[in-house]
Amino acid sequence: MSAKVLERFPAGAPRGSWPAEEYAAARRAEGEPATVVMDLRSDAFLVVVEGPEEDARP
């Protein structure tokens, strides 16, 4: 499986603010199975949609 990143949000949002979760909830309301994951390298929350692994062979 692979994942497509829909949006990135910095981890330093103000206390009580969850912009990545709100964005993912809005995508789910539109029927897209979005989830939030943490990217430790960039210190950001990513909203992703999982999809099938694409075959790179010709």
PDB file of N, CA and C in Angstrom:
ATOM      1  N   MET A   1       0.839  -1.188   0.000  1.00  0.00           N
ATOM      2  CA  MET A   1       0.000   0.000   0.000  1.00  0.00           C
ATOM      3  C   MET A   1       0.882   1.249   0.000  1.00  0.00           C
ATOM      4  N   SER A   2       0.377   2.284  -0.602  1.00  0.00           N
ATOM      5  CA  SER A   2       1.061   3.566  -0.592  1.00  0.00           C
ATOM      6  C   SER A   2       0.063   4.607  -0.106  1.00  0.00           C
ATOM      7  N   ALA A   3       0.568   5.790   0.161  1.00  0.00           N
ATOM      8  CA  ALA A   3      -0.314   6.849   0.652  1.00  0.00           C
ATOM      9  C   ALA A   3      -0.071   8.127  -0.130  1.00  0.00           C
ATOM     10  N   LYS A   4      -1.131   8.858  -0.370  1.00  0.00           N
ATOM     11  CA  LYS A   4      -1.062  10.154  -1.040  1.00  0.00           C
ATOM     12  C   LYS A   4      -1.273  11.231   0.025  1.00  0.00           C
ATOM     13  N   VAL A   5      -0.352  12.195   0.106  1.00  0.00           N
ATOM     14  CA  VAL A   5      -0.468  13.287   1.069  1.00  0.00           C
ATOM     15  C   VAL A   5      -1.387  14.352   0.486  1.00  0.00           C
ATOM     16  N   LEU A   6      -2.472  14.635   1.191  1.00  0.00           N
ATOM     17  CA  LEU A   6      -3.405  15.666   0.750  1.00  0.00           C
ATOM     18  C   LEU A   6      -2.998  17.049   1.250  1.00  0.00           C
ATOM     19  N   GLU A   7      -2.480  17.112   2.476  1.00  0.00           N
ATOM     20  CA  GLU A   7      -2.144  18.403   3.096  1.00  0.00           C
ATOM     21  C   GLU A   7      -1.168  18.192   4.234  1.00  0.00           C
ATOM     22  N   ARG A   8      -0.365  19.221   4.531  1.00  0.00           N
ATOM     23  CA  ARG A   8       0.589  19.206   5.650  1.00  0.00           C
ATOM     24  C   ARG A   8       0.240  20.336   6.615  1.00  0.00           C
ATOM     25  N   PHE A   9       0.413  20.060   7.894  1.00  0.00           N
ATOM     26  CA  PHE A   9       0.164  21.066   8.922  1.00  0.00           C
ATOM     27  C   PHE A   9       1.315  21.036   9.920  1.00  0.00           C
ATOM     28  N   PRO A  10       1.895  22.174  10.267  1.00  0.00           N
ATOM     29  CA  PRO A  10       2.977  22.185  11.259  1.00  0.00           C
ATOM     30  C   PRO A  10       2.480  21.677  12.599  1.00  0.00           C
ATOM     31  N   ALA A  11       3.356  21.006  13.316  1.00  0.00           N
ATOM     32  CA  ALA A  11       2.980  20.434  14.608  1.00  0.00           C
ATOM     33  C   ALA A  11       2.796  21.503  15.680  1.00  0.00           C
ATOM     34  N   GLY A  12       3.251  22.698  15.467  1.00  0.00           N
ATOM     35  CA  GLY A  12       3.185  23.751  16.475  1.00  0.00           C
ATOM     36  C   GLY A  12       1.925  24.582  16.441  1.00  0.00           C
ATOM     37  N   ALA A  13       0.777  23.989  16.186  1.00  0.00           N
ATOM     38  CA  ALA A  13      -0.482  24.740  16.185  1.00  0.00           C
ATOM     39  C   ALA A  13      -0.795  25.221  17.599  1.00  0.00           C
ATOM     40  N   PRO A  14      -1.551  26.309  17.714  1.00  0.00           N
ATOM     41  CA  PRO A  14      -1.916  26.803  19.050  1.00  0.00           C
ATOM     42  C   PRO A  14      -2.646  25.736  19.869  1.00  0.00           C
ATOM     43  N   ARG A  15      -2.494  25.803  21.166  1.00  0.00           N
ATOM     44  CA  ARG A  15      -3.124  24.824  22.058  1.00  0.00           C
ATOM     45  C   ARG A  15      -4.638  24.800  21.833  1.00  0.00           C
ATOM     46  N   GLY A  16      -5.164  23.583  21.717  1.00  0.00           N
ATOM     47  CA  GLY A  16      -6.594  23.420  21.491  1.00  0.00           C
ATOM     48  C   GLY A  16      -6.989  23.485  20.032  1.00  0.00           C
ATOM     49  N   SER A  17      -6.033  23.730  19.152  1.00  0.00           N
ATOM     50  CA  SER A  17      -6.302  23.801  17.720  1.00  0.00           C
ATOM     51  C   SER A  17      -5.815  22.514  17.067  1.00  0.00           C
ATOM     52  N   TRP A  18      -6.655  21.894  16.267  1.00  0.00           N
ATOM     53  CA  TRP A  18      -6.325  20.637  15.597  1.00  0.00           C
ATOM     54  C   TRP A  18      -6.615  20.758  14.108  1.00  0.00           C
ATOM     55  N   PRO A  19      -5.890  21.611  13.387  1.00  0.00           N
ATOM     56  CA  PRO A  19      -6.223  21.842  11.973  1.00  0.00           C
ATOM     57  C   PRO A  19      -6.118  20.592  11.100  1.00  0.00           C
ATOM     58  N   ALA A  20      -5.166  19.727  11.355  1.00  0.00           N
ATOM     59  CA  ALA A  20      -5.041  18.508  10.546  1.00  0.00           C
ATOM     60  C   ALA A  20      -6.248  17.603  10.763  1.00  0.00           C
ATOM     61  N   GLU A  21      -6.672  17.441  12.003  1.00  0.00           N
ATOM     62  CA  GLU A  21      -7.833  16.606  12.305  1.00  0.00           C
ATOM     63  C   GLU A  21      -9.105  17.203  11.692  1.00  0.00           C
ATOM     64  N   GLU A  22      -9.232  18.524  11.737  1.00  0.00           N
ATOM     65  CA  GLU A  22     -10.404  19.173  11.165  1.00  0.00           C
ATOM     66  C   GLU A  22     -10.427  19.002   9.645  1.00  0.00           C
ATOM     67  N   TYR A  23      -9.268  19.138   9.003  1.00  0.00           N
ATOM     68  CA  TYR A  23      -9.170  18.967   7.558  1.00  0.00           C
ATOM     69  C   TYR A  23      -9.519  17.522   7.180  1.00  0.00           C
ATOM     70  N   ALA A  24      -8.969  16.558   7.913  1.00  0.00           N
ATOM     71  CA  ALA A  24      -9.252  15.154   7.636  1.00  0.00           C
ATOM     72  C   ALA A  24     -10.740  14.844   7.830  1.00  0.00           C
ATOM     73  N   ALA A  25     -11.347  15.409   8.857  1.00  0.00           N
ATOM     74  CA  ALA A  25     -12.776  15.190   9.102  1.00  0.00           C
ATOM     75  C   ALA A  25     -13.616  15.738   7.950  1.00  0.00           C
ATOM     76  N   ALA A  26     -13.225  16.889   7.421  1.00  0.00           N
ATOM     77  CA  ALA A  26     -13.942  17.465   6.282  1.00  0.00           C
ATOM     78  C   ALA A  26     -13.803  16.578   5.049  1.00  0.00           C
ATOM     79  N   ARG A  27     -12.627  16.003   4.832  1.00  0.00           N
ATOM     80  CA  ARG A  27     -12.427  15.090   3.690  1.00  0.00           C
ATOM     81  C   ARG A  27     -13.253  13.827   3.876  1.00  0.00           C
ATOM     82  N   ARG A  28     -13.297  13.314   5.114  1.00  0.00           N
ATOM     83  CA  ARG A  28     -14.111  12.118   5.375  1.00  0.00           C
ATOM     84  C   ARG A  28     -15.590  12.408   5.146  1.00  0.00           C
ATOM     85  N   ALA A  29     -16.040  13.611   5.488  1.00  0.00           N
ATOM     86  CA  ALA A  29     -17.434  13.994   5.261  1.00  0.00           C
ATOM     87  C   ALA A  29     -17.767  14.019   3.773  1.00  0.00           C
ATOM     88  N   GLU A  30     -16.741  14.243   2.938  1.00  0.00           N
ATOM     89  CA  GLU A  30     -16.919  14.227   1.485  1.00  0.00           C
ATOM     90  C   GLU A  30     -16.752  12.824   0.903  1.00  0.00           C
ATOM     91  N   GLY A  31     -16.505  11.823   1.769  1.00  0.00           N
ATOM     92  CA  GLY A  31     -16.394  10.454   1.317  1.00  0.00           C
ATOM     93  C   GLY A  31     -14.978   9.972   1.063  1.00  0.00           C
ATOM     94  N   GLU A  32     -13.981  10.789   1.363  1.00  0.00           N
ATOM     95  CA  GLU A  32     -12.588  10.392   1.170  1.00  0.00           C
ATOM     96  C   GLU A  32     -12.039   9.849   2.491  1.00  0.00           C
ATOM     97  N   PRO A  33     -11.478   8.643   2.521  1.00  0.00           N
ATOM     98  CA  PRO A  33     -11.036   8.033   3.779  1.00  0.00           C
ATOM     99  C   PRO A  33      -9.703   8.613   4.275  1.00  0.00           C
ATOM    100  N   ALA A  34      -9.695   9.869   4.642  1.00  0.00           N
ATOM    101  CA  ALA A  34      -8.474  10.556   5.068  1.00  0.00           C
ATOM    102  C   ALA A  34      -8.135  10.257   6.525  1.00  0.00           C
ATOM    103  N   THR A  35      -6.844  10.135   6.805  1.00  0.00           N
ATOM    104  CA  THR A  35      -6.356   9.948   8.168  1.00  0.00           C
ATOM    105  C   THR A  35      -5.199  10.905   8.410  1.00  0.00           C
ATOM    106  N   VAL A  36      -4.880  11.107   9.675  1.00  0.00           N
ATOM    107  CA  VAL A  36      -3.778  11.989  10.053  1.00  0.00           C
ATOM    108  C   VAL A  36      -2.633  11.142  10.586  1.00  0.00           C
ATOM    109  N   VAL A  37      -1.427  11.429  10.100  1.00  0.00           N
ATOM    110  CA  VAL A  37      -0.220  10.770  10.586  1.00  0.00           C
ATOM    111  C   VAL A  37       0.807  11.835  10.930  1.00  0.00           C
ATOM    112  N   MET A  38       1.735  11.483  11.796  1.00  0.00           N
ATOM    113  CA  MET A  38       2.797  12.414  12.193  1.00  0.00           C
ATOM    114  C   MET A  38       4.059  12.078  11.416  1.00  0.00           C
ATOM    115  N   ASP A  39       4.650  13.101  10.788  1.00  0.00           N
ATOM    116  CA  ASP A  39       5.942  12.953  10.124  1.00  0.00           C
ATOM    117  C   ASP A  39       6.986  13.536  11.073  1.00  0.00           C
ATOM    118  N   LEU A  40       7.712  12.670  11.751  1.00  0.00           N
ATOM    119  CA  LEU A  40       8.672  13.122  12.759  1.00  0.00           C
ATOM    120  C   LEU A  40       9.838  13.910  12.151  1.00  0.00           C
ATOM    121  N   ARG A  41      10.259  13.529  10.952  1.00  0.00           N
ATOM    122  CA  ARG A  41      11.380  14.249  10.318  1.00  0.00           C
ATOM    123  C   ARG A  41      11.072  15.718  10.088  1.00  0.00           C
ATOM    124  N   SER A  42       9.868  16.001   9.611  1.00  0.00           N
ATOM    125  CA  SER A  42       9.520  17.400   9.319  1.00  0.00           C
ATOM    126  C   SER A  42       8.731  18.051  10.441  1.00  0.00           C
ATOM    127  N   ASP A  43       8.441  17.321  11.516  1.00  0.00           N
ATOM    128  CA  ASP A  43       7.661  17.821  12.648  1.00  0.00           C
ATOM    129  C   ASP A  43       6.336  18.408  12.155  1.00  0.00           C
ATOM    130  N   ALA A  44       5.628  17.599  11.371  1.00  0.00           N
ATOM    131  CA  ALA A  44       4.359  18.038  10.800  1.00  0.00           C
ATOM    132  C   ALA A  44       3.357  16.894  10.823  1.00  0.00           C
ATOM    133  N   PHE A  45       2.088  17.273  10.838  1.00  0.00           N
ATOM    134  CA  PHE A  45       1.012  16.305  10.695  1.00  0.00           C
ATOM    135  C   PHE A  45       0.620  16.260   9.223  1.00  0.00           C
ATOM    136  N   LEU A  46       0.465  15.060   8.695  1.00  0.00           N
ATOM    137  CA  LEU A  46       0.089  14.877   7.304  1.00  0.00           C
ATOM    138  C   LEU A  46      -1.297  14.264   7.233  1.00  0.00           C
ATOM    139  N   VAL A  47      -2.119  14.797   6.353  1.00  0.00           N
ATOM    140  CA  VAL A  47      -3.422  14.198   6.085  1.00  0.00           C
ATOM    141  C   VAL A  47      -3.221  13.350   4.839  1.00  0.00           C
ATOM    142  N   VAL A  48      -3.448  12.050   4.972  1.00  0.00           N
ATOM    143  CA  VAL A  48      -3.169  11.122   3.879  1.00  0.00           C
ATOM    144  C   VAL A  48      -4.392  10.276   3.545  1.00  0.00           C
ATOM    145  N   VAL A  49      -4.367   9.776   2.307  1.00  0.00           N
ATOM    146  CA  VAL A  49      -5.352   8.808   1.834  1.00  0.00           C
ATOM    147  C   VAL A  49      -4.556   7.620   1.332  1.00  0.00           C
ATOM    148  N   GLU A  50      -4.859   6.444   1.848  1.00  0.00           N
ATOM    149  CA  GLU A  50      -4.146   5.248   1.407  1.00  0.00           C
ATOM    150  C   GLU A  50      -4.740   4.751   0.105  1.00  0.00           C
ATOM    151  N   GLY A  51      -3.844   4.225  -0.731  1.00  0.00           N
ATOM    152  CA  GLY A  51      -4.272   3.695  -2.011  1.00  0.00           C
ATOM    153  C   GLY A  51      -3.458   2.479  -2.362  1.00  0.00           C
ATOM    154  N   PRO A  52      -3.819   1.817  -3.451  1.00  0.00           N
ATOM    155  CA  PRO A  52      -3.060   0.627  -3.855  1.00  0.00           C
ATOM    156  C   PRO A  52      -1.665   1.007  -4.325  1.00  0.00           C
ATOM    157  N   GLU A  53      -0.748   0.103  -4.085  1.00  0.00           N
ATOM    158  CA  GLU A  53       0.641   0.279  -4.539  1.00  0.00           C
ATOM    159  C   GLU A  53       0.633   0.259  -6.060  1.00  0.00           C
ATOM    160  N   GLU A  54       1.220   1.281  -6.685  1.00  0.00           N
ATOM    161  CA  GLU A  54       1.278   1.317  -8.138  1.00  0.00           C
ATOM    162  C   GLU A  54       2.453   0.495  -8.628  1.00  0.00           C
ATOM    163  N   ASP A  55       2.229  -0.288  -9.636  1.00  0.00           N
ATOM    164  CA  ASP A  55       3.271  -1.138 -10.206  1.00  0.00           C
ATOM    165  C   ASP A  55       4.121  -0.301 -11.138  1.00  0.00           C
ATOM    166  N   ALA A  56       5.415  -0.182 -10.856  1.00  0.00           N
ATOM    167  CA  ALA A  56       6.328   0.657 -11.625  1.00  0.00           C
ATOM    168  C   ALA A  56       6.859  -0.049 -12.867  1.00  0.00           C
ATOM    169  N   ARG A  57       6.552  -1.311 -13.041  1.00  0.00           N
ATOM    170  CA  ARG A  57       7.057  -2.044 -14.202  1.00  0.00           C
ATOM    171  C   ARG A  57       6.310  -1.661 -15.460  1.00  0.00           C
ATOM    172  N   PRO A  58       7.001  -1.633 -16.629  1.00  0.00           N
ATOM    173  CA  PRO A  58       6.330  -1.290 -17.902  1.00  0.00           C
ATOM    174  C   PRO A  58       5.367  -2.344 -18.364  1.00  0.00           C
TER     175      PRO A  58
END
